[in-house]
Amino acid sequence: MAFCLEKDRDKFDNFVQFIEDHKDEPGAVMPVLQEAQKVFGYIPEPIVDLMALKLKKHSSEIYGVATFYSQFTFEPRGKHEICVCLGTACYVKGADRLLNDFCEALEIEPGQTTEDGEFSVIETRCVGECGIAPVVTVDGENIGYVKPDMIHKIIYDAKGGDSE
């Protein structure tokens, strides 16, 4: 799952062109980081170095911006993202337990990805759906009123009903 220039050559070439097209714009770091996250699914270390070189910035500045915003990750994410909202309403209704249950079921820690690259479990803050708390977002779709006994079905459904 790690970045591989040979495997990701087309993505890499398109990303380099994106940098070239935007490098002279004020505040180019943010849109270039967003593009990297979109293209690669995370921010690989060689891409940070490339950005620093092309944008004429120190890599520490790139890392500084990227670590400030929770939307960026330096680790590859799984094919399926399970985001557990830990905002106040969700937390009060047991979201912390749900987070632990998802991690236990997938045998990973929060923020990690399963060995097969299928799932990542991510802690998030308020998703704005307090009325249906606790909320879990799976591949961008909000699921409300989540209870612990729904964990395995949510995982099963995310895989498309594939039991492998």
Protein backbone atom coordinates (compact mmCIF):
# COMPACT_ATOMS: atom_id res chain seq x y z
CA MET A 1 0.00 0.00 0.00
CA ALA A 2 3.00 2.28 0.27
CA PHE A 3 3.78 4.81 -2.43
CA CYS A 4 5.49 3.23 -5.45
CA LEU A 5 6.58 5.52 -8.26
CA GLU A 6 6.47 2.74 -10.85
CA LYS A 7 2.96 1.68 -9.89
CA ASP A 8 1.71 5.24 -9.41
CA ARG A 9 3.49 6.82 -12.41
CA ASP A 10 0.32 8.27 -14.02
CA LYS A 11 -0.89 9.69 -10.72
CA PHE A 12 2.56 11.09 -10.05
CA ASP A 13 2.84 12.74 -13.49
CA ASN A 14 -0.61 14.31 -13.16
CA PHE A 15 0.24 15.54 -9.68
CA VAL A 16 3.50 17.12 -10.88
CA GLN A 17 1.50 18.93 -13.55
CA PHE A 18 -0.96 20.13 -10.90
CA ILE A 19 1.93 21.58 -8.89
CA GLU A 20 3.33 23.28 -11.99
CA ASP A 21 -0.07 24.81 -12.73
CA HIS A 22 -0.52 26.15 -9.17
CA LYS A 23 2.96 26.80 -7.76
CA ASP A 24 2.90 30.55 -8.35
CA GLU A 25 -0.50 31.10 -6.74
CA PRO A 26 -0.61 32.66 -3.27
CA GLY A 27 -1.19 29.99 -0.64
CA ALA A 28 -0.40 27.15 -3.05
CA VAL A 29 0.56 24.75 -0.25
CA MET A 30 -3.02 24.02 0.80
CA PRO A 31 -4.50 23.20 -2.63
CA VAL A 32 -1.41 21.16 -3.51
CA LEU A 33 -1.74 19.18 -0.26
CA GLN A 34 -5.44 18.65 -0.96
CA GLU A 35 -4.63 17.40 -4.45
CA ALA A 36 -1.98 15.03 -3.09
CA GLN A 37 -4.46 13.64 -0.56
CA LYS A 38 -7.06 13.21 -3.31
CA VAL A 39 -4.68 11.60 -5.80
CA PHE A 40 -2.71 9.28 -3.51
CA GLY A 41 -5.23 8.82 -0.67
CA TYR A 42 -2.61 10.08 1.77
CA ILE A 43 0.51 12.27 1.74
CA PRO A 44 3.56 10.06 1.03
CA GLU A 45 6.93 11.32 2.31
CA PRO A 46 8.46 11.52 -1.22
CA ILE A 47 5.51 13.70 -2.26
CA VAL A 48 6.18 16.11 0.63
CA ASP A 49 9.78 16.37 -0.56
CA LEU A 50 8.61 16.98 -4.13
CA MET A 51 6.15 19.66 -2.98
CA ALA A 52 8.86 21.41 -0.97
CA LEU A 53 11.19 21.41 -3.98
CA LYS A 54 8.59 22.57 -6.51
CA LEU A 55 6.96 25.16 -4.23
CA LYS A 56 10.33 26.43 -2.96
CA LYS A 57 9.35 25.79 0.67
CA HIS A 58 10.96 23.87 3.48
CA SER A 59 9.49 20.43 3.96
CA SER A 60 8.84 21.45 7.59
CA GLU A 61 6.40 24.08 6.31
CA ILE A 62 4.56 21.46 4.24
CA TYR A 63 4.42 19.13 7.26
CA GLY A 64 3.33 22.02 9.47
CA VAL A 65 0.30 22.78 7.31
CA ALA A 66 -0.55 19.11 6.80
CA THR A 67 -0.38 18.24 10.49
CA PHE A 68 -2.52 21.23 11.47
CA TYR A 69 -5.51 19.97 9.45
CA SER A 70 -7.08 16.63 10.33
CA GLN A 71 -8.12 16.00 6.71
CA PHE A 72 -4.53 15.03 5.87
CA THR A 73 -2.89 11.74 6.71
CA PHE A 74 0.62 10.43 6.20
CA GLU A 75 -0.52 6.81 6.35
CA PRO A 76 -2.40 5.01 3.58
CA ARG A 77 -6.06 4.62 4.37
CA GLY A 78 -8.12 1.54 3.72
CA LYS A 79 -10.45 0.93 0.83
CA HIS A 80 -13.28 1.51 3.31
CA GLU A 81 -13.18 4.29 5.92
CA ILE A 82 -15.17 3.90 9.10
CA CYS A 83 -15.30 7.26 10.87
CA VAL A 84 -16.72 7.33 14.37
CA CYS A 85 -17.98 10.73 15.46
CA LEU A 86 -16.73 11.64 18.92
CA GLY A 87 -18.54 14.97 19.11
CA THR A 88 -20.33 15.65 22.38
CA ALA A 89 -23.77 14.23 21.47
CA CYS A 90 -22.25 11.07 19.97
CA TYR A 91 -19.79 10.63 22.81
CA VAL A 92 -22.53 10.93 25.42
CA LYS A 93 -24.46 8.22 23.57
CA GLY A 94 -21.56 5.75 23.56
CA ALA A 95 -19.46 6.58 20.51
CA ASP A 96 -16.25 5.84 22.43
CA ARG A 97 -17.48 2.28 22.95
CA LEU A 98 -18.37 2.02 19.26
CA LEU A 99 -14.88 3.16 18.31
CA ASN A 100 -13.38 0.46 20.54
CA ASP A 101 -15.79 -2.16 19.16
CA PHE A 102 -14.93 -1.37 15.53
CA CYS A 103 -11.22 -1.49 16.35
CA GLU A 104 -11.61 -4.78 18.20
CA ALA A 105 -13.64 -6.33 15.37
CA LEU A 106 -11.03 -5.27 12.80
CA GLU A 107 -8.04 -5.94 15.10
CA ILE A 108 -6.56 -2.45 14.71
CA GLU A 109 -6.17 0.72 16.75
CA PRO A 110 -7.92 4.05 15.97
CA GLY A 111 -6.25 5.70 12.98
CA GLN A 112 -4.85 2.42 11.68
CA THR A 113 -5.61 0.38 8.58
CA THR A 114 -6.14 -3.37 8.47
CA GLU A 115 -3.26 -5.42 7.07
CA ASP A 116 -5.27 -6.30 3.96
CA GLY A 117 -5.87 -2.59 3.27
CA GLU A 118 -9.64 -2.99 3.42
CA PHE A 119 -10.56 -0.85 6.44
CA SER A 120 -9.40 2.19 8.36
CA VAL A 121 -11.06 3.27 11.59
CA ILE A 122 -10.84 6.99 12.20
CA GLU A 123 -11.92 9.20 15.09
CA THR A 124 -13.74 12.29 13.89
CA ARG A 125 -15.26 15.29 15.57
CA CYS A 126 -18.81 16.50 15.10
CA VAL A 127 -20.30 15.55 11.73
CA GLY A 128 -23.35 17.76 12.29
CA GLU A 129 -25.86 14.94 12.76
CA CYS A 130 -26.37 15.25 16.51
CA GLY A 131 -30.07 14.40 16.24
CA ILE A 132 -29.25 10.84 15.16
CA ALA A 133 -26.32 10.26 17.54
CA PRO A 134 -24.23 8.23 17.75
CA VAL A 135 -23.18 8.56 14.12
CA VAL A 136 -20.71 6.50 12.14
CA THR A 137 -19.70 7.54 8.64
CA VAL A 138 -18.81 4.67 6.32
CA ASP A 139 -17.28 5.60 2.99
CA GLY A 140 -18.85 9.05 3.26
CA GLU A 141 -22.36 7.87 4.20
CA ASN A 142 -23.71 8.71 7.66
CA ILE A 143 -25.34 5.96 9.68
CA GLY A 144 -27.27 7.13 12.71
CA TYR A 145 -28.41 5.57 15.95
CA VAL A 146 -25.55 3.06 15.76
CA LYS A 147 -25.56 0.40 18.46
CA PRO A 148 -22.77 -2.08 19.29
CA ASP A 149 -24.76 -5.00 17.86
CA MET A 150 -24.66 -3.30 14.43
CA ILE A 151 -20.84 -3.29 14.14
CA HIS A 152 -20.38 -6.57 12.28
CA LYS A 153 -23.24 -5.86 9.86
CA ILE A 154 -21.81 -2.41 9.07
CA ILE A 155 -18.43 -3.99 8.31
CA TYR A 156 -20.08 -6.76 6.25
CA ASP A 157 -22.16 -4.23 4.29
CA ALA A 158 -19.14 -2.01 3.62
CA LYS A 159 -17.40 -4.97 2.01
CA GLY A 160 -20.41 -5.27 -0.29
CA GLY A 161 -21.68 -8.32 1.55
CA ASP A 162 -18.42 -10.13 0.71
CA SER A 163 -17.66 -12.53 3.52
CA GLU A 164 -14.00 -13.06 2.55
